Amino acid sequence: MICPICGQGNLKAGTTTFAADADAAVVVVRNVPADVCDVCGEAFIDDTIAEELEGLVMEAKQTGTESIVRHYQPLAS
């Protein structure tokens, strides 16, 4: 698939680092599976994984956790 950002690169399976600064909570998740452009480096995270990451951010906000830094691990089914 051609990168929708640069229009030149191809998206290939890889990983990225997700970071969110939400209110007083900072969440960083490394090694998140993503499709990554081989030219511009833009990363696209699957909707299911994005929902997991959004849940982690919401949890941090609700519990008052100041920061979370971890490696990605899929949620258990």
PDB file of N, CA and C in Angstrom:
ATOM      1  N   MET A   1       0.844  -1.177   0.000  1.00  0.00           N
ATOM      2  CA  MET A   1       0.000   0.000   0.000  1.00  0.00           C
ATOM      3  C   MET A   1       0.893   1.245   0.000  1.00  0.00           C
ATOM      4  N   ILE A   2       0.512   2.232  -0.770  1.00  0.00           N
ATOM      5  CA  ILE A   2       1.258   3.479  -0.869  1.00  0.00           C
ATOM      6  C   ILE A   2       0.935   4.357   0.352  1.00  0.00           C
ATOM      7  N   CYS A   3       1.946   5.035   0.866  1.00  0.00           N
ATOM      8  CA  CYS A   3       1.775   5.912   2.030  1.00  0.00           C
ATOM      9  C   CYS A   3       0.847   7.076   1.686  1.00  0.00           C
ATOM     10  N   PRO A   4      -0.218   7.277   2.479  1.00  0.00           N
ATOM     11  CA  PRO A   4      -1.132   8.386   2.210  1.00  0.00           C
ATOM     12  C   PRO A   4      -0.554   9.748   2.610  1.00  0.00           C
ATOM     13  N   ILE A   5       0.558   9.755   3.334  1.00  0.00           N
ATOM     14  CA  ILE A   5       1.164  11.017   3.756  1.00  0.00           C
ATOM     15  C   ILE A   5       2.112  11.553   2.687  1.00  0.00           C
ATOM     16  N   CYS A   6       3.112  10.757   2.314  1.00  0.00           N
ATOM     17  CA  CYS A   6       4.110  11.236   1.345  1.00  0.00           C
ATOM     18  C   CYS A   6       3.782  10.835  -0.085  1.00  0.00           C
ATOM     19  N   GLY A   7       2.948   9.795  -0.253  1.00  0.00           N
ATOM     20  CA  GLY A   7       2.571   9.353  -1.580  1.00  0.00           C
ATOM     21  C   GLY A   7       3.662   8.653  -2.357  1.00  0.00           C
ATOM     22  N   GLN A   8       4.805   8.395  -1.720  1.00  0.00           N
ATOM     23  CA  GLN A   8       5.930   7.792  -2.429  1.00  0.00           C
ATOM     24  C   GLN A   8       6.363   6.452  -1.860  1.00  0.00           C
ATOM     25  N   GLY A   9       6.261   6.308  -0.562  1.00  0.00           N
ATOM     26  CA  GLY A   9       6.734   5.098   0.085  1.00  0.00           C
ATOM     27  C   GLY A   9       5.686   4.007   0.149  1.00  0.00           C
ATOM     28  N   ASN A  10       6.149   2.828   0.501  1.00  0.00           N
ATOM     29  CA  ASN A  10       5.271   1.685   0.719  1.00  0.00           C
ATOM     30  C   ASN A  10       5.161   1.422   2.210  1.00  0.00           C
ATOM     31  N   LEU A  11       3.967   1.036   2.653  1.00  0.00           N
ATOM     32  CA  LEU A  11       3.762   0.696   4.059  1.00  0.00           C
ATOM     33  C   LEU A  11       4.182  -0.744   4.276  1.00  0.00           C
ATOM     34  N   LYS A  12       5.012  -0.937   5.298  1.00  0.00           N
ATOM     35  CA  LYS A  12       5.504  -2.273   5.628  1.00  0.00           C
ATOM     36  C   LYS A  12       5.302  -2.521   7.117  1.00  0.00           C
ATOM     37  N   ALA A  13       5.111  -3.787   7.472  1.00  0.00           N
ATOM     38  CA  ALA A  13       4.935  -4.143   8.882  1.00  0.00           C
ATOM     39  C   ALA A  13       6.176  -3.750   9.668  1.00  0.00           C
ATOM     40  N   GLY A  14       5.950  -3.111  10.805  1.00  0.00           N
ATOM     41  CA  GLY A  14       7.047  -2.687  11.671  1.00  0.00           C
ATOM     42  C   GLY A  14       6.507  -2.335  13.039  1.00  0.00           C
ATOM     43  N   THR A  15       7.225  -1.487  13.748  1.00  0.00           N
ATOM     44  CA  THR A  15       6.791  -1.027  15.063  1.00  0.00           C
ATOM     45  C   THR A  15       7.020   0.466  15.178  1.00  0.00           C
ATOM     46  N   THR A  16       6.331   1.058  16.146  1.00  0.00           N
ATOM     47  CA  THR A  16       6.478   2.477  16.422  1.00  0.00           C
ATOM     48  C   THR A  16       6.363   2.700  17.923  1.00  0.00           C
ATOM     49  N   THR A  17       6.635   3.903  18.352  1.00  0.00           N
ATOM     50  CA  THR A  17       6.433   4.290  19.746  1.00  0.00           C
ATOM     51  C   THR A  17       5.230   5.213  19.804  1.00  0.00           C
ATOM     52  N   PHE A  18       4.274   4.857  20.654  1.00  0.00           N
ATOM     53  CA  PHE A  18       3.070   5.665  20.862  1.00  0.00           C
ATOM     54  C   PHE A  18       3.302   6.539  22.088  1.00  0.00           C
ATOM     55  N   ALA A  19       2.987   7.813  21.973  1.00  0.00           N
ATOM     56  CA  ALA A  19       3.120   8.719  23.119  1.00  0.00           C
ATOM     57  C   ALA A  19       1.891   9.612  23.191  1.00  0.00           C
ATOM     58  N   ALA A  20       1.375   9.783  24.406  1.00  0.00           N
ATOM     59  CA  ALA A  20       0.220  10.653  24.617  1.00  0.00           C
ATOM     60  C   ALA A  20       0.433  11.462  25.879  1.00  0.00           C
ATOM     61  N   ASP A  21       0.155  12.752  25.791  1.00  0.00           N
ATOM     62  CA  ASP A  21       0.210  13.654  26.941  1.00  0.00           C
ATOM     63  C   ASP A  21      -1.222  14.099  27.181  1.00  0.00           C
ATOM     64  N   ALA A  22      -1.888  13.439  28.132  1.00  0.00           N
ATOM     65  CA  ALA A  22      -3.303  13.672  28.365  1.00  0.00           C
ATOM     66  C   ALA A  22      -3.518  14.209  29.772  1.00  0.00           C
ATOM     67  N   ASP A  23      -3.863  15.479  29.857  1.00  0.00           N
ATOM     68  CA  ASP A  23      -4.013  16.150  31.149  1.00  0.00           C
ATOM     69  C   ASP A  23      -2.717  16.003  31.940  1.00  0.00           C
ATOM     70  N   ALA A  24      -2.772  15.381  33.099  1.00  0.00           N
ATOM     71  CA  ALA A  24      -1.572  15.214  33.923  1.00  0.00           C
ATOM     72  C   ALA A  24      -0.889  13.880  33.674  1.00  0.00           C
ATOM     73  N   ALA A  25      -1.428  13.074  32.778  1.00  0.00           N
ATOM     74  CA  ALA A  25      -0.875  11.746  32.520  1.00  0.00           C
ATOM     75  C   ALA A  25      -0.055  11.739  31.229  1.00  0.00           C
ATOM     76  N   VAL A  26       1.121  11.106  31.302  1.00  0.00           N
ATOM     77  CA  VAL A  26       1.946  10.891  30.120  1.00  0.00           C
ATOM     78  C   VAL A  26       2.059   9.386  29.930  1.00  0.00           C
ATOM     79  N   VAL A  27       1.688   8.915  28.728  1.00  0.00           N
ATOM     80  CA  VAL A  27       1.713   7.487  28.429  1.00  0.00           C
ATOM     81  C   VAL A  27       2.629   7.270  27.230  1.00  0.00           C
ATOM     82  N   VAL A  28       3.604   6.366  27.397  1.00  0.00           N
ATOM     83  CA  VAL A  28       4.515   6.001  26.315  1.00  0.00           C
ATOM     84  C   VAL A  28       4.502   4.483  26.202  1.00  0.00           C
ATOM     85  N   VAL A  29       4.237   3.990  24.994  1.00  0.00           N
ATOM     86  CA  VAL A  29       4.234   2.551  24.753  1.00  0.00           C
ATOM     87  C   VAL A  29       5.167   2.288  23.574  1.00  0.00           C
ATOM     88  N   ARG A  30       6.180   1.486  23.829  1.00  0.00           N
ATOM     89  CA  ARG A  30       7.171   1.172  22.804  1.00  0.00           C
ATOM     90  C   ARG A  30       6.816  -0.132  22.097  1.00  0.00           C
ATOM     91  N   ASN A  31       7.382  -0.304  20.913  1.00  0.00           N
ATOM     92  CA  ASN A  31       7.227  -1.541  20.128  1.00  0.00           C
ATOM     93  C   ASN A  31       5.775  -1.851  19.776  1.00  0.00           C
ATOM     94  N   VAL A  32       5.017  -0.816  19.427  1.00  0.00           N
ATOM     95  CA  VAL A  32       3.625  -0.997  19.020  1.00  0.00           C
ATOM     96  C   VAL A  32       3.605  -1.424  17.549  1.00  0.00           C
ATOM     97  N   PRO A  33       2.947  -2.546  17.233  1.00  0.00           N
ATOM     98  CA  PRO A  33       2.863  -2.964  15.836  1.00  0.00           C
ATOM     99  C   PRO A  33       2.186  -1.885  14.987  1.00  0.00           C
ATOM    100  N   ALA A  34       2.756  -1.632  13.813  1.00  0.00           N
ATOM    101  CA  ALA A  34       2.205  -0.608  12.928  1.00  0.00           C
ATOM    102  C   ALA A  34       2.675  -0.864  11.505  1.00  0.00           C
ATOM    103  N   ASP A  35       1.983  -0.257  10.565  1.00  0.00           N
ATOM    104  CA  ASP A  35       2.463  -0.216   9.191  1.00  0.00           C
ATOM    105  C   ASP A  35       3.264   1.069   9.066  1.00  0.00           C
ATOM    106  N   VAL A  36       4.525   0.952   8.651  1.00  0.00           N
ATOM    107  CA  VAL A  36       5.445   2.089   8.636  1.00  0.00           C
ATOM    108  C   VAL A  36       5.907   2.358   7.208  1.00  0.00           C
ATOM    109  N   CYS A  37       5.863   3.636   6.813  1.00  0.00           N
ATOM    110  CA  CYS A  37       6.302   4.035   5.477  1.00  0.00           C
ATOM    111  C   CYS A  37       7.812   3.897   5.375  1.00  0.00           C
ATOM    112  N   ASP A  38       8.280   3.254   4.293  1.00  0.00           N
ATOM    113  CA  ASP A  38       9.718   3.054   4.115  1.00  0.00           C
ATOM    114  C   ASP A  38      10.434   4.296   3.569  1.00  0.00           C
ATOM    115  N   VAL A  39       9.682   5.378   3.318  1.00  0.00           N
ATOM    116  CA  VAL A  39      10.301   6.620   2.855  1.00  0.00           C
ATOM    117  C   VAL A  39      10.243   7.701   3.939  1.00  0.00           C
ATOM    118  N   CYS A  40       9.034   8.049   4.398  1.00  0.00           N
ATOM    119  CA  CYS A  40       8.901   9.156   5.355  1.00  0.00           C
ATOM    120  C   CYS A  40       8.870   8.709   6.818  1.00  0.00           C
ATOM    121  N   GLY A  41       8.662   7.412   7.062  1.00  0.00           N
ATOM    122  CA  GLY A  41       8.667   6.902   8.426  1.00  0.00           C
ATOM    123  C   GLY A  41       7.352   7.049   9.166  1.00  0.00           C
ATOM    124  N   GLU A  42       6.339   7.601   8.530  1.00  0.00           N
ATOM    125  CA  GLU A  42       5.032   7.735   9.189  1.00  0.00           C
ATOM    126  C   GLU A  42       4.498   6.351   9.541  1.00  0.00           C
ATOM    127  N   ALA A  43       3.903   6.230  10.732  1.00  0.00           N
ATOM    128  CA  ALA A  43       3.410   4.940  11.211  1.00  0.00           C
ATOM    129  C   ALA A  43       1.886   4.985  11.346  1.00  0.00           C
ATOM    130  N   PHE A  44       1.252   3.883  10.978  1.00  0.00           N
ATOM    131  CA  PHE A  44      -0.199   3.760  11.038  1.00  0.00           C
ATOM    132  C   PHE A  44      -0.544   2.562  11.912  1.00  0.00           C
ATOM    133  N   ILE A  45      -1.254   2.831  13.009  1.00  0.00           N
ATOM    134  CA  ILE A  45      -1.612   1.802  13.984  1.00  0.00           C
ATOM    135  C   ILE A  45      -3.010   1.279  13.672  1.00  0.00           C
ATOM    136  N   ASP A  46      -3.174  -0.036  13.699  1.00  0.00           N
ATOM    137  CA  ASP A  46      -4.448  -0.702  13.473  1.00  0.00           C
ATOM    138  C   ASP A  46      -5.485  -0.193  14.478  1.00  0.00           C
ATOM    139  N   ASP A  47      -6.742  -0.115  14.061  1.00  0.00           N
ATOM    140  CA  ASP A  47      -7.816   0.397  14.923  1.00  0.00           C
ATOM    141  C   ASP A  47      -7.946  -0.374  16.230  1.00  0.00           C
ATOM    142  N   THR A  48      -7.806  -1.683  16.191  1.00  0.00           N
ATOM    143  CA  THR A  48      -7.935  -2.492  17.404  1.00  0.00           C
ATOM    144  C   THR A  48      -6.836  -2.141  18.409  1.00  0.00           C
ATOM    145  N   ILE A  49      -5.622  -2.001  17.927  1.00  0.00           N
ATOM    146  CA  ILE A  49      -4.507  -1.632  18.804  1.00  0.00           C
ATOM    147  C   ILE A  49      -4.682  -0.207  19.304  1.00  0.00           C
ATOM    148  N   ALA A  50      -5.155   0.682  18.437  1.00  0.00           N
ATOM    149  CA  ALA A  50      -5.394   2.069  18.846  1.00  0.00           C
ATOM    150  C   ALA A  50      -6.416   2.139  19.979  1.00  0.00           C
ATOM    151  N   GLU A  51      -7.435   1.291  19.917  1.00  0.00           N
ATOM    152  CA  GLU A  51      -8.437   1.254  20.991  1.00  0.00           C
ATOM    153  C   GLU A  51      -7.815   0.793  22.305  1.00  0.00           C
ATOM    154  N   GLU A  52      -6.913  -0.194  22.238  1.00  0.00           N
ATOM    155  CA  GLU A  52      -6.213  -0.646  23.448  1.00  0.00           C
ATOM    156  C   GLU A  52      -5.395   0.494  24.042  1.00  0.00           C
ATOM    157  N   LEU A  53      -4.688   1.227  23.187  1.00  0.00           N
ATOM    158  CA  LEU A  53      -3.857   2.336  23.658  1.00  0.00           C
ATOM    159  C   LEU A  53      -4.722   3.448  24.242  1.00  0.00           C
ATOM    160  N   GLU A  54      -5.849   3.725  23.610  1.00  0.00           N
ATOM    161  CA  GLU A  54      -6.770   4.730  24.127  1.00  0.00           C
ATOM    162  C   GLU A  54      -7.284   4.333  25.508  1.00  0.00           C
ATOM    163  N   GLY A  55      -7.568   3.042  25.690  1.00  0.00           N
ATOM    164  CA  GLY A  55      -8.011   2.552  26.999  1.00  0.00           C
ATOM    165  C   GLY A  55      -6.944   2.749  28.056  1.00  0.00           C
ATOM    166  N   LEU A  56      -5.684   2.545  27.700  1.00  0.00           N
ATOM    167  CA  LEU A  56      -4.581   2.743  28.639  1.00  0.00           C
ATOM    168  C   LEU A  56      -4.476   4.215  29.044  1.00  0.00           C
ATOM    169  N   VAL A  57      -4.656   5.110  28.082  1.00  0.00           N
ATOM    170  CA  VAL A  57      -4.615   6.549  28.378  1.00  0.00           C
ATOM    171  C   VAL A  57      -5.770   6.927  29.292  1.00  0.00           C
ATOM    172  N   MET A  58      -6.967   6.428  28.992  1.00  0.00           N
ATOM    173  CA  MET A  58      -8.131   6.729  29.832  1.00  0.00           C
ATOM    174  C   MET A  58      -7.941   6.202  31.251  1.00  0.00           C
ATOM    175  N   GLU A  59      -7.377   5.005  31.363  1.00  0.00           N
ATOM    176  CA  GLU A  59      -7.113   4.421  32.681  1.00  0.00           C
ATOM    177  C   GLU A  59      -6.148   5.295  33.478  1.00  0.00           C
ATOM    178  N   ALA A  60      -5.104   5.769  32.821  1.00  0.00           N
ATOM    179  CA  ALA A  60      -4.130   6.631  33.498  1.00  0.00           C
ATOM    180  C   ALA A  60      -4.797   7.915  33.977  1.00  0.00           C
ATOM    181  N   LYS A  61      -5.650   8.497  33.153  1.00  0.00           N
ATOM    182  CA  LYS A  61      -6.342   9.729  33.541  1.00  0.00           C
ATOM    183  C   LYS A  61      -7.281   9.486  34.715  1.00  0.00           C
ATOM    184  N   GLN A  62      -8.042   8.387  34.671  1.00  0.00           N
ATOM    185  CA  GLN A  62      -9.035   8.112  35.698  1.00  0.00           C
ATOM    186  C   GLN A  62      -8.409   7.762  37.042  1.00  0.00           C
ATOM    187  N   THR A  63      -7.253   7.096  37.012  1.00  0.00           N
ATOM    188  CA  THR A  63      -6.621   6.682  38.261  1.00  0.00           C
ATOM    189  C   THR A  63      -5.629   7.710  38.788  1.00  0.00           C
ATOM    190  N   GLY A  64      -5.405   8.774  38.024  1.00  0.00           N
ATOM    191  CA  GLY A  64      -4.462   9.803  38.458  1.00  0.00           C
ATOM    192  C   GLY A  64      -3.008   9.393  38.302  1.00  0.00           C
ATOM    193  N   THR A  65      -2.764   8.375  37.491  1.00  0.00           N
ATOM    194  CA  THR A  65      -1.391   7.942  37.239  1.00  0.00           C
ATOM    195  C   THR A  65      -0.670   9.043  36.474  1.00  0.00           C
ATOM    196  N   GLU A  66       0.503   9.415  36.962  1.00  0.00           N
ATOM    197  CA  GLU A  66       1.240  10.513  36.347  1.00  0.00           C
ATOM    198  C   GLU A  66       1.932  10.098  35.055  1.00  0.00           C
ATOM    199  N   SER A  67       2.523   8.886  35.051  1.00  0.00           N
ATOM    200  CA  SER A  67       3.204   8.445  33.831  1.00  0.00           C
ATOM    201  C   SER A  67       3.210   6.922  33.745  1.00  0.00           C
ATOM    202  N   ILE A  68       3.156   6.452  32.498  1.00  0.00           N
ATOM    203  CA  ILE A  68       3.249   5.030  32.201  1.00  0.00           C
ATOM    204  C   ILE A  68       4.218   4.895  31.036  1.00  0.00           C
ATOM    205  N   VAL A  69       5.215   4.035  31.190  1.00  0.00           N
ATOM    206  CA  VAL A  69       6.134   3.717  30.097  1.00  0.00           C
ATOM    207  C   VAL A  69       6.234   2.214  30.067  1.00  0.00           C
ATOM    208  N   ARG A  70       5.918   1.610  28.910  1.00  0.00           N
ATOM    209  CA  ARG A  70       5.972   0.153  28.816  1.00  0.00           C
ATOM    210  C   ARG A  70       6.149  -0.285  27.366  1.00  0.00           C
ATOM    211  N   HIS A  71       6.435  -1.564  27.200  1.00  0.00           N
ATOM    212  CA  HIS A  71       6.478  -2.175  25.880  1.00  0.00           C
ATOM    213  C   HIS A  71       5.089  -2.711  25.588  1.00  0.00           C
ATOM    214  N   TYR A  72       4.714  -2.683  24.318  1.00  0.00           N
ATOM    215  CA  TYR A  72       3.390  -3.151  23.917  1.00  0.00           C
ATOM    216  C   TYR A  72       3.246  -4.650  24.146  1.00  0.00           C
ATOM    217  N   GLN A  73       2.112  -5.010  24.736  1.00  0.00           N
ATOM    218  CA  GLN A  73       1.691  -6.400  24.848  1.00  0.00           C
ATOM    219  C   GLN A  73       0.186  -6.402  24.612  1.00  0.00           C
ATOM    220  N   PRO A  74      -0.255  -7.242  23.674  1.00  0.00           N
ATOM    221  CA  PRO A  74      -1.699  -7.258  23.388  1.00  0.00           C
ATOM    222  C   PRO A  74      -2.502  -7.637  24.625  1.00  0.00           C
ATOM    223  N   LEU A  75      -3.708  -7.094  24.693  1.00  0.00           N
ATOM    224  CA  LEU A  75      -4.597  -7.464  25.800  1.00  0.00           C
ATOM    225  C   LEU A  75      -5.009  -8.919  25.638  1.00  0.00           C
ATOM    226  N   ALA A  76      -5.151  -9.604  26.752  1.00  0.00           N
ATOM    227  CA  ALA A  76      -5.585 -11.006  26.716  1.00  0.00           C
ATOM    228  C   ALA A  76      -7.036 -11.052  26.245  1.00  0.00           C
ATOM    229  N   SER A  77      -7.339 -12.038  25.427  1.00  0.00           N
ATOM    230  CA  SER A  77      -8.718 -12.173  24.911  1.00  0.00           C
ATOM    231  C   SER A  77      -9.595 -12.867  25.920  1.00  0.00           C
TER     232      SER A  77
END
